[in-house]
Amino acid sequence: MTTDEGRMSLRRMLRRWTSSEAEIEAGELRRLSALAGGRAARYCLPGEVVRISGRLRTVVYNPRSNRPTLEADLYDGSDVVTLIWLGRRRIAGIEPGRQITARGRLALLDDRKVIYNPYYELQLT
């Protein structure tokens, strides 16, 4: 092992010891997102067709009379994107804690990043 490799290894160990649990989880999610071919949500702009991979934090059914929706917050370690399926009450496999990759056109709704009716793939964990 060279001196530079030893310093890098020591830095990684120190970072892990001094980082909070949330920071460690975010770093792991960013790594998994990159492996799945996802783009960091932090850098995605409205109007772009994006592919984001992460973990579902919440899944909520909103039974509005004029347009019921199923909404799920997808966190990739850098930012949250809300996935919105119009007219759906439930989708098998879409549940909190599930790792998925979603693809669609990014929009803004009340200053939140959203994707309407995204294509999605459930990840094996």
N, C-alpha and C. Protein backbone atom coordinates (compact mmCIF):
# COMPACT_ATOMS: atom_id res chain seq x y z
N MET A 1 0.85 -1.16 0.00
CA MET A 1 0.00 0.00 0.00
C MET A 1 0.90 1.24 0.00
N THR A 2 0.59 2.18 -0.90
CA THR A 2 1.38 3.40 -0.95
C THR A 2 0.94 4.36 0.15
N THR A 3 1.71 5.40 0.35
CA THR A 3 1.38 6.40 1.37
C THR A 3 0.06 7.08 1.06
N ASP A 4 -0.20 7.38 -0.22
CA ASP A 4 -1.45 8.04 -0.61
C ASP A 4 -2.65 7.14 -0.33
N GLU A 5 -2.51 5.84 -0.62
CA GLU A 5 -3.60 4.90 -0.35
C GLU A 5 -3.86 4.80 1.15
N GLY A 6 -2.82 4.82 1.95
CA GLY A 6 -2.97 4.77 3.40
C GLY A 6 -3.68 6.00 3.93
N ARG A 7 -3.36 7.17 3.39
CA ARG A 7 -4.03 8.41 3.80
C ARG A 7 -5.50 8.38 3.42
N MET A 8 -5.81 7.89 2.22
CA MET A 8 -7.20 7.81 1.77
C MET A 8 -8.00 6.88 2.67
N SER A 9 -7.39 5.74 3.01
CA SER A 9 -8.06 4.78 3.88
C SER A 9 -8.31 5.38 5.25
N LEU A 10 -7.34 6.09 5.80
CA LEU A 10 -7.48 6.73 7.10
C LEU A 10 -8.56 7.81 7.04
N ARG A 11 -8.62 8.58 5.96
CA ARG A 11 -9.66 9.60 5.80
C ARG A 11 -11.06 8.98 5.79
N ARG A 12 -11.19 7.88 5.06
CA ARG A 12 -12.49 7.20 5.00
C ARG A 12 -12.91 6.71 6.37
N MET A 13 -11.97 6.13 7.12
CA MET A 13 -12.29 5.64 8.47
C MET A 13 -12.69 6.79 9.37
N LEU A 14 -11.95 7.89 9.34
CA LEU A 14 -12.27 9.04 10.18
C LEU A 14 -13.63 9.64 9.81
N ARG A 15 -13.91 9.71 8.51
CA ARG A 15 -15.20 10.24 8.06
C ARG A 15 -16.34 9.38 8.59
N ARG A 16 -16.17 8.06 8.56
CA ARG A 16 -17.22 7.17 9.06
C ARG A 16 -17.42 7.32 10.56
N TRP A 17 -16.34 7.53 11.30
CA TRP A 17 -16.46 7.67 12.75
C TRP A 17 -17.10 8.99 13.15
N THR A 18 -16.86 10.03 12.36
CA THR A 18 -17.35 11.36 12.74
C THR A 18 -18.66 11.73 12.05
N SER A 19 -19.12 10.95 11.11
CA SER A 19 -20.36 11.24 10.39
C SER A 19 -21.56 10.75 11.17
N SER A 20 -22.69 11.47 10.98
CA SER A 20 -23.93 11.02 11.60
C SER A 20 -24.49 9.84 10.82
N GLU A 21 -25.44 9.17 11.41
CA GLU A 21 -26.06 8.02 10.74
C GLU A 21 -26.75 8.46 9.45
N ALA A 22 -27.38 9.64 9.46
CA ALA A 22 -28.06 10.16 8.28
C ALA A 22 -27.07 10.44 7.15
N GLU A 23 -25.89 10.97 7.49
CA GLU A 23 -24.88 11.25 6.48
C GLU A 23 -24.34 9.96 5.87
N ILE A 24 -24.17 8.95 6.69
CA ILE A 24 -23.69 7.66 6.19
C ILE A 24 -24.72 7.03 5.27
N GLU A 25 -26.01 7.09 5.67
CA GLU A 25 -27.08 6.55 4.83
C GLU A 25 -27.17 7.30 3.51
N ALA A 26 -27.05 8.63 3.55
CA ALA A 26 -27.12 9.43 2.32
C ALA A 26 -25.98 9.06 1.38
N GLY A 27 -24.78 8.88 1.92
CA GLY A 27 -23.64 8.48 1.09
C GLY A 27 -23.85 7.12 0.45
N GLU A 28 -24.40 6.19 1.21
CA GLU A 28 -24.67 4.85 0.69
C GLU A 28 -25.73 4.90 -0.41
N LEU A 29 -26.79 5.72 -0.21
CA LEU A 29 -27.83 5.86 -1.23
C LEU A 29 -27.27 6.49 -2.50
N ARG A 30 -26.39 7.49 -2.37
CA ARG A 30 -25.77 8.10 -3.56
C ARG A 30 -24.94 7.06 -4.32
N ARG A 31 -24.22 6.22 -3.58
CA ARG A 31 -23.40 5.18 -4.21
C ARG A 31 -24.29 4.17 -4.95
N LEU A 32 -25.36 3.71 -4.30
CA LEU A 32 -26.28 2.76 -4.92
C LEU A 32 -26.98 3.37 -6.14
N SER A 33 -27.32 4.64 -6.05
CA SER A 33 -27.97 5.33 -7.16
C SER A 33 -27.06 5.37 -8.38
N ALA A 34 -25.80 5.68 -8.16
CA ALA A 34 -24.84 5.71 -9.27
C ALA A 34 -24.67 4.33 -9.89
N LEU A 35 -24.63 3.29 -9.05
CA LEU A 35 -24.49 1.93 -9.57
C LEU A 35 -25.70 1.51 -10.41
N ALA A 36 -26.89 2.03 -10.05
CA ALA A 36 -28.11 1.70 -10.79
C ALA A 36 -28.29 2.57 -12.03
N GLY A 37 -27.36 3.48 -12.28
CA GLY A 37 -27.45 4.34 -13.46
C GLY A 37 -28.29 5.58 -13.24
N GLY A 38 -28.59 5.89 -11.99
CA GLY A 38 -29.38 7.07 -11.68
C GLY A 38 -28.55 8.34 -11.64
N ARG A 39 -29.22 9.44 -11.85
CA ARG A 39 -28.57 10.75 -11.77
C ARG A 39 -28.94 11.36 -10.42
N ALA A 40 -28.04 12.10 -9.80
CA ALA A 40 -28.32 12.73 -8.52
C ALA A 40 -29.47 13.72 -8.67
N ALA A 41 -30.51 13.55 -7.85
CA ALA A 41 -31.70 14.40 -7.94
C ALA A 41 -31.36 15.87 -7.72
N ARG A 42 -30.34 16.12 -6.96
CA ARG A 42 -29.91 17.50 -6.67
C ARG A 42 -29.60 18.25 -7.96
N TYR A 43 -29.09 17.57 -8.98
CA TYR A 43 -28.66 18.22 -10.21
C TYR A 43 -29.71 18.16 -11.32
N CYS A 44 -30.85 17.55 -11.07
CA CYS A 44 -31.90 17.44 -12.09
C CYS A 44 -32.70 18.74 -12.16
N LEU A 45 -33.01 19.16 -13.38
CA LEU A 45 -33.74 20.40 -13.59
C LEU A 45 -35.13 20.13 -14.16
N PRO A 46 -36.11 21.00 -13.84
CA PRO A 46 -37.46 20.83 -14.39
C PRO A 46 -37.44 20.80 -15.91
N GLY A 47 -38.24 19.90 -16.47
CA GLY A 47 -38.32 19.75 -17.92
C GLY A 47 -37.44 18.65 -18.47
N GLU A 48 -36.46 18.20 -17.69
CA GLU A 48 -35.57 17.13 -18.15
C GLU A 48 -36.22 15.77 -17.93
N VAL A 49 -35.91 14.84 -18.83
CA VAL A 49 -36.28 13.45 -18.61
C VAL A 49 -35.13 12.86 -17.80
N VAL A 50 -35.45 12.35 -16.60
CA VAL A 50 -34.41 11.91 -15.67
C VAL A 50 -34.63 10.46 -15.25
N ARG A 51 -33.55 9.87 -14.77
CA ARG A 51 -33.58 8.52 -14.19
C ARG A 51 -32.98 8.66 -12.80
N ILE A 52 -33.79 8.37 -11.78
CA ILE A 52 -33.37 8.54 -10.39
C ILE A 52 -33.57 7.24 -9.66
N SER A 53 -32.57 6.85 -8.89
CA SER A 53 -32.64 5.62 -8.11
C SER A 53 -32.48 5.98 -6.64
N GLY A 54 -33.30 5.39 -5.79
CA GLY A 54 -33.22 5.68 -4.37
C GLY A 54 -34.18 4.83 -3.56
N ARG A 55 -34.46 5.31 -2.36
CA ARG A 55 -35.33 4.59 -1.42
C ARG A 55 -36.59 5.40 -1.19
N LEU A 56 -37.74 4.71 -1.17
CA LEU A 56 -39.01 5.38 -0.90
C LEU A 56 -39.11 5.68 0.60
N ARG A 57 -39.31 6.94 0.92
CA ARG A 57 -39.44 7.33 2.33
C ARG A 57 -40.89 7.24 2.79
N THR A 58 -41.79 7.80 2.00
CA THR A 58 -43.22 7.76 2.36
C THR A 58 -44.03 7.41 1.13
N VAL A 59 -45.18 6.77 1.38
CA VAL A 59 -46.14 6.48 0.32
C VAL A 59 -47.51 6.84 0.88
N VAL A 60 -48.23 7.75 0.18
CA VAL A 60 -49.50 8.26 0.69
C VAL A 60 -50.54 8.26 -0.42
N TYR A 61 -51.75 7.79 -0.08
CA TYR A 61 -52.88 7.87 -1.01
C TYR A 61 -53.68 9.12 -0.66
N ASN A 62 -53.90 9.99 -1.65
CA ASN A 62 -54.69 11.21 -1.47
C ASN A 62 -56.01 11.05 -2.20
N PRO A 63 -57.10 10.78 -1.46
CA PRO A 63 -58.39 10.51 -2.11
C PRO A 63 -59.18 11.77 -2.45
N ARG A 64 -58.57 12.70 -3.19
CA ARG A 64 -59.28 13.90 -3.61
C ARG A 64 -60.39 13.51 -4.56
N SER A 65 -61.52 14.19 -4.46
CA SER A 65 -62.66 13.82 -5.30
C SER A 65 -62.41 14.08 -6.79
N ASN A 66 -61.66 15.14 -7.11
CA ASN A 66 -61.47 15.45 -8.53
C ASN A 66 -60.27 14.73 -9.16
N ARG A 67 -59.27 14.32 -8.35
CA ARG A 67 -58.14 13.57 -8.91
C ARG A 67 -57.39 12.83 -7.80
N PRO A 68 -57.80 11.62 -7.50
CA PRO A 68 -57.07 10.84 -6.49
C PRO A 68 -55.66 10.52 -6.99
N THR A 69 -54.70 10.52 -6.06
CA THR A 69 -53.31 10.25 -6.43
C THR A 69 -52.64 9.35 -5.40
N LEU A 70 -51.64 8.64 -5.85
CA LEU A 70 -50.73 7.91 -4.97
C LEU A 70 -49.40 8.64 -5.09
N GLU A 71 -48.87 9.10 -3.94
CA GLU A 71 -47.64 9.89 -3.94
C GLU A 71 -46.59 9.19 -3.09
N ALA A 72 -45.36 9.15 -3.60
CA ALA A 72 -44.25 8.51 -2.90
C ALA A 72 -43.03 9.42 -2.98
N ASP A 73 -42.39 9.65 -1.83
CA ASP A 73 -41.17 10.45 -1.79
C ASP A 73 -39.96 9.54 -1.99
N LEU A 74 -39.21 9.79 -3.06
CA LEU A 74 -38.03 9.01 -3.40
C LEU A 74 -36.79 9.82 -3.02
N TYR A 75 -35.95 9.27 -2.14
CA TYR A 75 -34.74 9.93 -1.67
C TYR A 75 -33.53 9.19 -2.19
N ASP A 76 -32.64 9.92 -2.87
CA ASP A 76 -31.46 9.28 -3.45
C ASP A 76 -30.17 9.65 -2.73
N GLY A 77 -30.27 10.31 -1.59
CA GLY A 77 -29.09 10.71 -0.84
C GLY A 77 -28.69 12.15 -1.11
N SER A 78 -29.26 12.76 -2.16
CA SER A 78 -28.93 14.15 -2.47
C SER A 78 -30.16 15.06 -2.38
N ASP A 79 -31.34 14.53 -2.72
CA ASP A 79 -32.57 15.32 -2.72
C ASP A 79 -33.76 14.37 -2.79
N VAL A 80 -34.94 14.91 -2.59
CA VAL A 80 -36.18 14.13 -2.64
C VAL A 80 -36.94 14.50 -3.91
N VAL A 81 -37.46 13.49 -4.59
CA VAL A 81 -38.34 13.68 -5.74
C VAL A 81 -39.63 12.95 -5.41
N THR A 82 -40.76 13.64 -5.55
CA THR A 82 -42.06 13.03 -5.29
C THR A 82 -42.58 12.39 -6.57
N LEU A 83 -42.88 11.11 -6.49
CA LEU A 83 -43.46 10.37 -7.62
C LEU A 83 -44.97 10.40 -7.44
N ILE A 84 -45.71 10.80 -8.47
CA ILE A 84 -47.16 10.93 -8.37
C ILE A 84 -47.81 10.10 -9.47
N TRP A 85 -48.61 9.12 -9.04
CA TRP A 85 -49.39 8.32 -9.97
C TRP A 85 -50.83 8.81 -9.90
N LEU A 86 -51.36 9.30 -11.01
CA LEU A 86 -52.72 9.83 -11.05
C LEU A 86 -53.73 8.69 -11.16
N GLY A 87 -54.80 8.79 -10.36
CA GLY A 87 -55.88 7.81 -10.42
C GLY A 87 -55.57 6.46 -9.81
N ARG A 88 -54.51 6.33 -9.05
CA ARG A 88 -54.13 5.04 -8.45
C ARG A 88 -54.33 5.08 -6.95
N ARG A 89 -54.83 3.98 -6.40
CA ARG A 89 -54.99 3.84 -4.95
C ARG A 89 -53.81 3.12 -4.33
N ARG A 90 -53.29 2.15 -5.07
CA ARG A 90 -52.20 1.32 -4.57
C ARG A 90 -51.48 0.71 -5.75
N ILE A 91 -50.17 0.49 -5.57
CA ILE A 91 -49.37 -0.20 -6.59
C ILE A 91 -48.55 -1.24 -5.84
N ALA A 92 -48.66 -2.48 -6.25
CA ALA A 92 -47.92 -3.56 -5.60
C ALA A 92 -46.42 -3.26 -5.62
N GLY A 93 -45.77 -3.38 -4.47
CA GLY A 93 -44.33 -3.17 -4.36
C GLY A 93 -43.94 -1.74 -4.04
N ILE A 94 -44.86 -0.79 -4.20
CA ILE A 94 -44.56 0.60 -3.86
C ILE A 94 -44.92 0.80 -2.39
N GLU A 95 -43.90 0.75 -1.55
CA GLU A 95 -44.08 0.85 -0.10
C GLU A 95 -42.84 1.49 0.52
N PRO A 96 -42.99 2.13 1.67
CA PRO A 96 -41.85 2.79 2.31
C PRO A 96 -40.70 1.81 2.55
N GLY A 97 -39.47 2.32 2.32
CA GLY A 97 -38.28 1.50 2.51
C GLY A 97 -37.84 0.74 1.28
N ARG A 98 -38.66 0.72 0.26
CA ARG A 98 -38.35 -0.03 -0.96
C ARG A 98 -37.38 0.74 -1.84
N GLN A 99 -36.41 0.07 -2.42
CA GLN A 99 -35.43 0.66 -3.32
C GLN A 99 -35.99 0.56 -4.73
N ILE A 100 -36.10 1.71 -5.45
CA ILE A 100 -36.60 1.70 -6.82
C ILE A 100 -35.80 2.65 -7.70
N THR A 101 -35.94 2.46 -9.00
CA THR A 101 -35.41 3.38 -9.99
C THR A 101 -36.60 3.91 -10.77
N ALA A 102 -36.72 5.23 -10.87
CA ALA A 102 -37.85 5.86 -11.56
C ALA A 102 -37.33 6.70 -12.71
N ARG A 103 -38.15 6.77 -13.76
CA ARG A 103 -37.77 7.54 -14.95
C ARG A 103 -38.98 8.32 -15.43
N GLY A 104 -38.74 9.59 -15.78
CA GLY A 104 -39.82 10.43 -16.30
C GLY A 104 -39.38 11.87 -16.41
N ARG A 105 -40.32 12.73 -16.81
CA ARG A 105 -40.01 14.15 -16.96
C ARG A 105 -40.22 14.86 -15.63
N LEU A 106 -39.19 15.56 -15.18
CA LEU A 106 -39.22 16.25 -13.90
C LEU A 106 -40.01 17.55 -14.02
N ALA A 107 -40.86 17.80 -13.03
CA ALA A 107 -41.64 19.04 -12.98
C ALA A 107 -41.53 19.63 -11.58
N LEU A 108 -42.01 20.85 -11.41
CA LEU A 108 -42.07 21.48 -10.09
C LEU A 108 -43.53 21.64 -9.70
N LEU A 109 -43.86 21.30 -8.46
CA LEU A 109 -45.20 21.49 -7.91
C LEU A 109 -45.02 22.05 -6.51
N ASP A 110 -45.40 23.30 -6.31
CA ASP A 110 -45.23 23.96 -5.00
C ASP A 110 -43.79 23.86 -4.52
N ASP A 111 -42.84 24.16 -5.39
CA ASP A 111 -41.40 24.11 -5.10
C ASP A 111 -40.87 22.72 -4.75
N ARG A 112 -41.62 21.67 -5.10
CA ARG A 112 -41.15 20.29 -4.92
C ARG A 112 -40.86 19.71 -6.30
N LYS A 113 -39.81 18.89 -6.38
CA LYS A 113 -39.53 18.18 -7.62
C LYS A 113 -40.47 16.98 -7.68
N VAL A 114 -41.16 16.83 -8.81
CA VAL A 114 -42.11 15.73 -8.97
C VAL A 114 -41.95 15.09 -10.34
N ILE A 115 -42.36 13.82 -10.42
CA ILE A 115 -42.48 13.12 -11.69
C ILE A 115 -43.87 12.50 -11.69
N TYR A 116 -44.67 12.83 -12.71
CA TYR A 116 -46.02 12.28 -12.82
C TYR A 116 -45.98 10.96 -13.59
N ASN A 117 -46.70 9.98 -13.09
CA ASN A 117 -46.82 8.66 -13.71
C ASN A 117 -45.48 8.13 -14.21
N PRO A 118 -44.51 8.01 -13.31
CA PRO A 118 -43.16 7.57 -13.74
C PRO A 118 -43.13 6.10 -14.13
N TYR A 119 -42.20 5.80 -15.04
CA TYR A 119 -41.84 4.40 -15.27
C TYR A 119 -40.98 4.04 -14.07
N TYR A 120 -41.07 2.82 -13.58
CA TYR A 120 -40.28 2.47 -12.41
C TYR A 120 -39.89 1.01 -12.45
N GLU A 121 -38.78 0.72 -11.75
CA GLU A 121 -38.29 -0.65 -11.60
C GLU A 121 -38.05 -0.87 -10.12
N LEU A 122 -38.58 -1.95 -9.59
CA LEU A 122 -38.31 -2.31 -8.21
C LEU A 122 -36.94 -2.96 -8.15
N GLN A 123 -36.11 -2.56 -7.20
CA GLN A 123 -34.77 -3.11 -7.05
C GLN A 123 -34.79 -4.26 -6.04
N LEU A 124 -34.03 -5.27 -6.31
CA LEU A 124 -33.90 -6.37 -5.36
C LEU A 124 -32.96 -5.93 -4.25
N THR A 125 -33.33 -6.21 -3.01
CA THR A 125 -32.46 -5.82 -1.89
C THR A 125 -32.09 -7.02 -1.07
